[in-house]
Amino acid sequence: MHLQVLFCSTETGRSSFVRQLEPDWHIDTNPEVPFQLARFIKYQLHVSPTRIERMAANVFSSPSLEQFFGCI
């Protein structure tokens, strides 16, 4: 299994390279990025302490990675 972690400083750049790489999962803190990628990426996680409406069936939301994966 090959895992990659990539970082980008702009939302437009992040959306672009995520779409081109076609990962199974994308995790982001900006709600605009998962909204733009919802039709391209199989699963997404929006990490934010403030709860927002579910954008799409494949976009999950959690206040932290630890809570999403059940570590706390």
PDB file of N, CA and C in Angstrom:
ATOM      1  N   MET A   1       0.842  -1.163   0.000  1.00  0.00           N
ATOM      2  CA  MET A   1       0.000   0.000   0.000  1.00  0.00           C
ATOM      3  C   MET A   1       0.894   1.235   0.000  1.00  0.00           C
ATOM      4  N   HIS A   2       0.561   2.207  -0.819  1.00  0.00           N
ATOM      5  CA  HIS A   2       1.336   3.440  -0.925  1.00  0.00           C
ATOM      6  C   HIS A   2       0.491   4.592  -0.409  1.00  0.00           C
ATOM      7  N   LEU A   3       0.973   5.288   0.616  1.00  0.00           N
ATOM      8  CA  LEU A   3       0.251   6.409   1.203  1.00  0.00           C
ATOM      9  C   LEU A   3       0.993   7.701   0.923  1.00  0.00           C
ATOM     10  N   GLN A   4       0.223   8.772   0.682  1.00  0.00           N
ATOM     11  CA  GLN A   4       0.822  10.077   0.456  1.00  0.00           C
ATOM     12  C   GLN A   4       0.097  11.111   1.291  1.00  0.00           C
ATOM     13  N   VAL A   5       0.840  12.082   1.783  1.00  0.00           N
ATOM     14  CA  VAL A   5       0.274  13.245   2.450  1.00  0.00           C
ATOM     15  C   VAL A   5       0.803  14.457   1.705  1.00  0.00           C
ATOM     16  N   LEU A   6      -0.098  15.279   1.200  1.00  0.00           N
ATOM     17  CA  LEU A   6       0.293  16.453   0.430  1.00  0.00           C
ATOM     18  C   LEU A   6      -0.299  17.703   1.063  1.00  0.00           C
ATOM     19  N   PHE A   7       0.380  18.825   0.896  1.00  0.00           N
ATOM     20  CA  PHE A   7      -0.075  20.089   1.446  1.00  0.00           C
ATOM     21  C   PHE A   7      -0.056  21.150   0.356  1.00  0.00           C
ATOM     22  N   CYS A   8      -0.985  22.109   0.435  1.00  0.00           N
ATOM     23  CA  CYS A   8      -1.054  23.212  -0.510  1.00  0.00           C
ATOM     24  C   CYS A   8      -1.566  24.440   0.233  1.00  0.00           C
ATOM     25  N   SER A   9      -1.082  25.614  -0.124  1.00  0.00           N
ATOM     26  CA  SER A   9      -1.443  26.826   0.614  1.00  0.00           C
ATOM     27  C   SER A   9      -2.718  27.505   0.122  1.00  0.00           C
ATOM     28  N   THR A  10      -3.220  27.163  -1.067  1.00  0.00           N
ATOM     29  CA  THR A  10      -4.444  27.807  -1.561  1.00  0.00           C
ATOM     30  C   THR A  10      -5.541  26.773  -1.775  1.00  0.00           C
ATOM     31  N   GLU A  11      -6.786  27.207  -1.621  1.00  0.00           N
ATOM     32  CA  GLU A  11      -7.925  26.308  -1.812  1.00  0.00           C
ATOM     33  C   GLU A  11      -8.040  25.861  -3.267  1.00  0.00           C
ATOM     34  N   THR A  12      -7.797  26.775  -4.197  1.00  0.00           N
ATOM     35  CA  THR A  12      -7.882  26.438  -5.621  1.00  0.00           C
ATOM     36  C   THR A  12      -6.833  25.397  -5.988  1.00  0.00           C
ATOM     37  N   GLY A  13      -5.616  25.590  -5.527  1.00  0.00           N
ATOM     38  CA  GLY A  13      -4.552  24.620  -5.795  1.00  0.00           C
ATOM     39  C   GLY A  13      -4.836  23.274  -5.172  1.00  0.00           C
ATOM     40  N   ARG A  14      -5.339  23.286  -3.945  1.00  0.00           N
ATOM     41  CA  ARG A  14      -5.663  22.040  -3.239  1.00  0.00           C
ATOM     42  C   ARG A  14      -6.760  21.281  -3.983  1.00  0.00           C
ATOM     43  N   SER A  15      -7.810  21.977  -4.373  1.00  0.00           N
ATOM     44  CA  SER A  15      -8.896  21.325  -5.119  1.00  0.00           C
ATOM     45  C   SER A  15      -8.385  20.727  -6.419  1.00  0.00           C
ATOM     46  N   SER A  16      -7.519  21.457  -7.094  1.00  0.00           N
ATOM     47  CA  SER A  16      -6.994  21.001  -8.378  1.00  0.00           C
ATOM     48  C   SER A  16      -6.157  19.737  -8.242  1.00  0.00           C
ATOM     49  N   PHE A  17      -5.186  19.730  -7.333  1.00  0.00           N
ATOM     50  CA  PHE A  17      -4.343  18.532  -7.255  1.00  0.00           C
ATOM     51  C   PHE A  17      -5.069  17.352  -6.641  1.00  0.00           C
ATOM     52  N   VAL A  18      -6.013  17.581  -5.748  1.00  0.00           N
ATOM     53  CA  VAL A  18      -6.797  16.467  -5.194  1.00  0.00           C
ATOM     54  C   VAL A  18      -7.637  15.829  -6.295  1.00  0.00           C
ATOM     55  N   ARG A  19      -8.261  16.650  -7.110  1.00  0.00           N
ATOM     56  CA  ARG A  19      -9.085  16.130  -8.205  1.00  0.00           C
ATOM     57  C   ARG A  19      -8.235  15.318  -9.183  1.00  0.00           C
ATOM     58  N   GLN A  20      -7.030  15.786  -9.498  1.00  0.00           N
ATOM     59  CA  GLN A  20      -6.161  15.082 -10.443  1.00  0.00           C
ATOM     60  C   GLN A  20      -5.619  13.770  -9.880  1.00  0.00           C
ATOM     61  N   LEU A  21      -5.359  13.729  -8.572  1.00  0.00           N
ATOM     62  CA  LEU A  21      -4.827  12.516  -7.951  1.00  0.00           C
ATOM     63  C   LEU A  21      -5.888  11.444  -7.720  1.00  0.00           C
ATOM     64  N   GLU A  22      -7.160  11.846  -7.651  1.00  0.00           N
ATOM     65  CA  GLU A  22      -8.290  10.938  -7.448  1.00  0.00           C
ATOM     66  C   GLU A  22      -8.099  10.010  -6.246  1.00  0.00           C
ATOM     67  N   PRO A  23      -7.878  10.569  -5.048  1.00  0.00           N
ATOM     68  CA  PRO A  23      -7.713   9.713  -3.864  1.00  0.00           C
ATOM     69  C   PRO A  23      -9.045   9.122  -3.418  1.00  0.00           C
ATOM     70  N   ASP A  24      -8.994   8.079  -2.601  1.00  0.00           N
ATOM     71  CA  ASP A  24     -10.217   7.532  -2.009  1.00  0.00           C
ATOM     72  C   ASP A  24     -10.745   8.451  -0.917  1.00  0.00           C
ATOM     73  N   TRP A  25      -9.864   9.128  -0.199  1.00  0.00           N
ATOM     74  CA  TRP A  25     -10.228  10.018   0.912  1.00  0.00           C
ATOM     75  C   TRP A  25      -9.542  11.363   0.750  1.00  0.00           C
ATOM     76  N   HIS A  26     -10.251  12.429   1.162  1.00  0.00           N
ATOM     77  CA  HIS A  26      -9.652  13.761   1.285  1.00  0.00           C
ATOM     78  C   HIS A  26     -10.131  14.362   2.597  1.00  0.00           C
ATOM     79  N   ILE A  27      -9.197  14.929   3.373  1.00  0.00           N
ATOM     80  CA  ILE A  27      -9.511  15.557   4.655  1.00  0.00           C
ATOM     81  C   ILE A  27      -9.136  17.023   4.558  1.00  0.00           C
ATOM     82  N   ASP A  28     -10.086  17.905   4.943  1.00  0.00           N
ATOM     83  CA  ASP A  28      -9.839  19.339   4.815  1.00  0.00           C
ATOM     84  C   ASP A  28     -10.527  20.099   5.930  1.00  0.00           C
ATOM     85  N   THR A  29     -10.024  21.305   6.216  1.00  0.00           N
ATOM     86  CA  THR A  29     -10.636  22.155   7.236  1.00  0.00           C
ATOM     87  C   THR A  29     -11.448  23.294   6.630  1.00  0.00           C
ATOM     88  N   ASN A  30     -11.319  23.516   5.351  1.00  0.00           N
ATOM     89  CA  ASN A  30     -12.068  24.571   4.677  1.00  0.00           C
ATOM     90  C   ASN A  30     -13.309  23.953   4.030  1.00  0.00           C
ATOM     91  N   PRO A  31     -14.519  24.404   4.383  1.00  0.00           N
ATOM     92  CA  PRO A  31     -15.733  23.784   3.832  1.00  0.00           C
ATOM     93  C   PRO A  31     -15.892  23.953   2.328  1.00  0.00           C
ATOM     94  N   GLU A  32     -15.245  24.951   1.756  1.00  0.00           N
ATOM     95  CA  GLU A  32     -15.372  25.183   0.320  1.00  0.00           C
ATOM     96  C   GLU A  32     -14.720  24.068  -0.500  1.00  0.00           C
ATOM     97  N   VAL A  33     -13.622  23.523  -0.023  1.00  0.00           N
ATOM     98  CA  VAL A  33     -12.896  22.492  -0.777  1.00  0.00           C
ATOM     99  C   VAL A  33     -13.716  21.201  -0.888  1.00  0.00           C
ATOM    100  N   PRO A  34     -14.235  20.633   0.209  1.00  0.00           N
ATOM    101  CA  PRO A  34     -15.080  19.441   0.055  1.00  0.00           C
ATOM    102  C   PRO A  34     -16.327  19.702  -0.795  1.00  0.00           C
ATOM    103  N   PHE A  35     -16.875  20.911  -0.712  1.00  0.00           N
ATOM    104  CA  PHE A  35     -18.036  21.260  -1.536  1.00  0.00           C
ATOM    105  C   PHE A  35     -17.673  21.163  -3.016  1.00  0.00           C
ATOM    106  N   GLN A  36     -16.519  21.700  -3.395  1.00  0.00           N
ATOM    107  CA  GLN A  36     -16.078  21.663  -4.793  1.00  0.00           C
ATOM    108  C   GLN A  36     -15.732  20.250  -5.260  1.00  0.00           C
ATOM    109  N   LEU A  37     -15.251  19.416  -4.342  1.00  0.00           N
ATOM    110  CA  LEU A  37     -14.781  18.078  -4.714  1.00  0.00           C
ATOM    111  C   LEU A  37     -15.823  16.972  -4.542  1.00  0.00           C
ATOM    112  N   ALA A  38     -16.992  17.287  -4.021  1.00  0.00           N
ATOM    113  CA  ALA A  38     -17.985  16.264  -3.656  1.00  0.00           C
ATOM    114  C   ALA A  38     -18.306  15.303  -4.797  1.00  0.00           C
ATOM    115  N   ARG A  39     -18.343  15.771  -6.009  1.00  0.00           N
ATOM    116  CA  ARG A  39     -18.708  14.867  -7.118  1.00  0.00           C
ATOM    117  C   ARG A  39     -17.522  14.088  -7.679  1.00  0.00           C
ATOM    118  N   PHE A  40     -16.304  14.423  -7.238  1.00  0.00           N
ATOM    119  CA  PHE A  40     -15.107  13.768  -7.772  1.00  0.00           C
ATOM    120  C   PHE A  40     -14.468  12.759  -6.827  1.00  0.00           C
ATOM    121  N   ILE A  41     -14.580  12.970  -5.516  1.00  0.00           N
ATOM    122  CA  ILE A  41     -13.847  12.176  -4.530  1.00  0.00           C
ATOM    123  C   ILE A  41     -14.811  11.267  -3.781  1.00  0.00           C
ATOM    124  N   LYS A  42     -14.430  10.006  -3.619  1.00  0.00           N
ATOM    125  CA  LYS A  42     -15.318   9.004  -3.022  1.00  0.00           C
ATOM    126  C   LYS A  42     -15.726   9.345  -1.588  1.00  0.00           C
ATOM    127  N   TYR A  43     -14.776   9.686  -0.732  1.00  0.00           N
ATOM    128  CA  TYR A  43     -15.063  10.027   0.668  1.00  0.00           C
ATOM    129  C   TYR A  43     -14.270  11.264   1.065  1.00  0.00           C
ATOM    130  N   GLN A  44     -14.911  12.125   1.847  1.00  0.00           N
ATOM    131  CA  GLN A  44     -14.242  13.318   2.345  1.00  0.00           C
ATOM    132  C   GLN A  44     -14.602  13.544   3.800  1.00  0.00           C
ATOM    133  N   LEU A  45     -13.683  14.171   4.502  1.00  0.00           N
ATOM    134  CA  LEU A  45     -13.915  14.535   5.893  1.00  0.00           C
ATOM    135  C   LEU A  45     -13.630  16.014   6.056  1.00  0.00           C
ATOM    136  N   HIS A  46     -14.625  16.754   6.541  1.00  0.00           N
ATOM    137  CA  HIS A  46     -14.448  18.168   6.862  1.00  0.00           C
ATOM    138  C   HIS A  46     -14.229  18.257   8.362  1.00  0.00           C
ATOM    139  N   VAL A  47     -13.051  18.731   8.772  1.00  0.00           N
ATOM    140  CA  VAL A  47     -12.701  18.838  10.186  1.00  0.00           C
ATOM    141  C   VAL A  47     -12.882  20.286  10.621  1.00  0.00           C
ATOM    142  N   SER A  48     -13.816  20.497  11.564  1.00  0.00           N
ATOM    143  CA  SER A  48     -14.095  21.846  12.050  1.00  0.00           C
ATOM    144  C   SER A  48     -14.840  21.763  13.371  1.00  0.00           C
ATOM    145  N   PRO A  49     -14.516  22.648  14.327  1.00  0.00           N
ATOM    146  CA  PRO A  49     -15.242  22.640  15.603  1.00  0.00           C
ATOM    147  C   PRO A  49     -16.689  23.108  15.456  1.00  0.00           C
ATOM    148  N   THR A  50     -16.989  23.844  14.384  1.00  0.00           N
ATOM    149  CA  THR A  50     -18.368  24.281  14.150  1.00  0.00           C
ATOM    150  C   THR A  50     -19.048  23.334  13.178  1.00  0.00           C
ATOM    151  N   ARG A  51     -20.207  22.883  13.549  1.00  0.00           N
ATOM    152  CA  ARG A  51     -20.968  21.923  12.734  1.00  0.00           C
ATOM    153  C   ARG A  51     -21.626  22.656  11.568  1.00  0.00           C
ATOM    154  N   ILE A  52     -21.495  22.110  10.364  1.00  0.00           N
ATOM    155  CA  ILE A  52     -22.174  22.679   9.205  1.00  0.00           C
ATOM    156  C   ILE A  52     -23.107  21.631   8.619  1.00  0.00           C
ATOM    157  N   GLU A  53     -24.018  22.075   7.763  1.00  0.00           N
ATOM    158  CA  GLU A  53     -24.921  21.134   7.102  1.00  0.00           C
ATOM    159  C   GLU A  53     -24.113  20.171   6.247  1.00  0.00           C
ATOM    160  N   ARG A  54     -24.612  18.953   6.155  1.00  0.00           N
ATOM    161  CA  ARG A  54     -23.924  17.953   5.324  1.00  0.00           C
ATOM    162  C   ARG A  54     -24.032  18.375   3.860  1.00  0.00           C
ATOM    163  N   MET A  55     -22.902  18.491   3.213  1.00  0.00           N
ATOM    164  CA  MET A  55     -22.850  18.976   1.838  1.00  0.00           C
ATOM    165  C   MET A  55     -23.314  17.930   0.836  1.00  0.00           C
ATOM    166  N   ALA A  56     -22.898  16.700   1.080  1.00  0.00           N
ATOM    167  CA  ALA A  56     -23.222  15.597   0.177  1.00  0.00           C
ATOM    168  C   ALA A  56     -23.118  14.302   0.968  1.00  0.00           C
ATOM    169  N   ALA A  57     -23.635  13.233   0.411  1.00  0.00           N
ATOM    170  CA  ALA A  57     -23.638  11.943   1.108  1.00  0.00           C
ATOM    171  C   ALA A  57     -22.227  11.418   1.363  1.00  0.00           C
ATOM    172  N   ASN A  58     -21.268  11.827   0.561  1.00  0.00           N
ATOM    173  CA  ASN A  58     -19.893  11.340   0.712  1.00  0.00           C
ATOM    174  C   ASN A  58     -18.999  12.293   1.505  1.00  0.00           C
ATOM    175  N   VAL A  59     -19.570  13.339   2.100  1.00  0.00           N
ATOM    176  CA  VAL A  59     -18.799  14.303   2.891  1.00  0.00           C
ATOM    177  C   VAL A  59     -19.209  14.180   4.353  1.00  0.00           C
ATOM    178  N   PHE A  60     -18.266  13.776   5.188  1.00  0.00           N
ATOM    179  CA  PHE A  60     -18.508  13.628   6.622  1.00  0.00           C
ATOM    180  C   PHE A  60     -17.924  14.834   7.346  1.00  0.00           C
ATOM    181  N   SER A  61     -18.413  15.089   8.556  1.00  0.00           N
ATOM    182  CA  SER A  61     -17.933  16.219   9.336  1.00  0.00           C
ATOM    183  C   SER A  61     -17.619  15.762  10.750  1.00  0.00           C
ATOM    184  N   SER A  62     -16.548  16.325  11.325  1.00  0.00           N
ATOM    185  CA  SER A  62     -16.157  15.982  12.686  1.00  0.00           C
ATOM    186  C   SER A  62     -15.368  17.146  13.278  1.00  0.00           C
ATOM    187  N   PRO A  63     -15.464  17.348  14.601  1.00  0.00           N
ATOM    188  CA  PRO A  63     -14.682  18.418  15.223  1.00  0.00           C
ATOM    189  C   PRO A  63     -13.179  18.118  15.270  1.00  0.00           C
ATOM    190  N   SER A  64     -12.790  16.850  15.137  1.00  0.00           N
ATOM    191  CA  SER A  64     -11.366  16.491  15.140  1.00  0.00           C
ATOM    192  C   SER A  64     -11.171  15.129  14.481  1.00  0.00           C
ATOM    193  N   LEU A  65      -9.945  14.856  14.063  1.00  0.00           N
ATOM    194  CA  LEU A  65      -9.622  13.538  13.507  1.00  0.00           C
ATOM    195  C   LEU A  65      -9.783  12.459  14.565  1.00  0.00           C
ATOM    196  N   GLU A  66      -9.379  12.774  15.804  1.00  0.00           N
ATOM    197  CA  GLU A  66      -9.475  11.803  16.894  1.00  0.00           C
ATOM    198  C   GLU A  66     -10.919  11.380  17.126  1.00  0.00           C
ATOM    199  N   GLN A  67     -11.825  12.333  17.110  1.00  0.00           N
ATOM    200  CA  GLN A  67     -13.234  11.983  17.319  1.00  0.00           C
ATOM    201  C   GLN A  67     -13.789  11.192  16.144  1.00  0.00           C
ATOM    202  N   PHE A  68     -13.400  11.535  14.936  1.00  0.00           N
ATOM    203  CA  PHE A  68     -13.902  10.816  13.771  1.00  0.00           C
ATOM    204  C   PHE A  68     -13.478   9.353  13.794  1.00  0.00           C
ATOM    205  N   PHE A  69     -12.234   9.104  14.171  1.00  0.00           N
ATOM    206  CA  PHE A  69     -11.722   7.740  14.199  1.00  0.00           C
ATOM    207  C   PHE A  69     -11.937   7.047  15.537  1.00  0.00           C
ATOM    208  N   GLY A  70     -12.661   7.694  16.448  1.00  0.00           N
ATOM    209  CA  GLY A  70     -13.030   7.070  17.714  1.00  0.00           C
ATOM    210  C   GLY A  70     -11.902   6.917  18.707  1.00  0.00           C
ATOM    211  N   CYS A  71     -10.904   7.772  18.623  1.00  0.00           N
ATOM    212  CA  CYS A  71      -9.758   7.668  19.536  1.00  0.00           C
ATOM    213  C   CYS A  71     -10.017   8.336  20.882  1.00  0.00           C
ATOM    214  N   ILE A  72     -11.023   9.215  20.954  1.00  0.00           N
ATOM    215  CA  ILE A  72     -11.321   9.860  22.240  1.00  0.00           C
ATOM    216  C   ILE A  72     -12.789   9.729  22.552  1.00  0.00           C
TER     217      ILE A  72
END
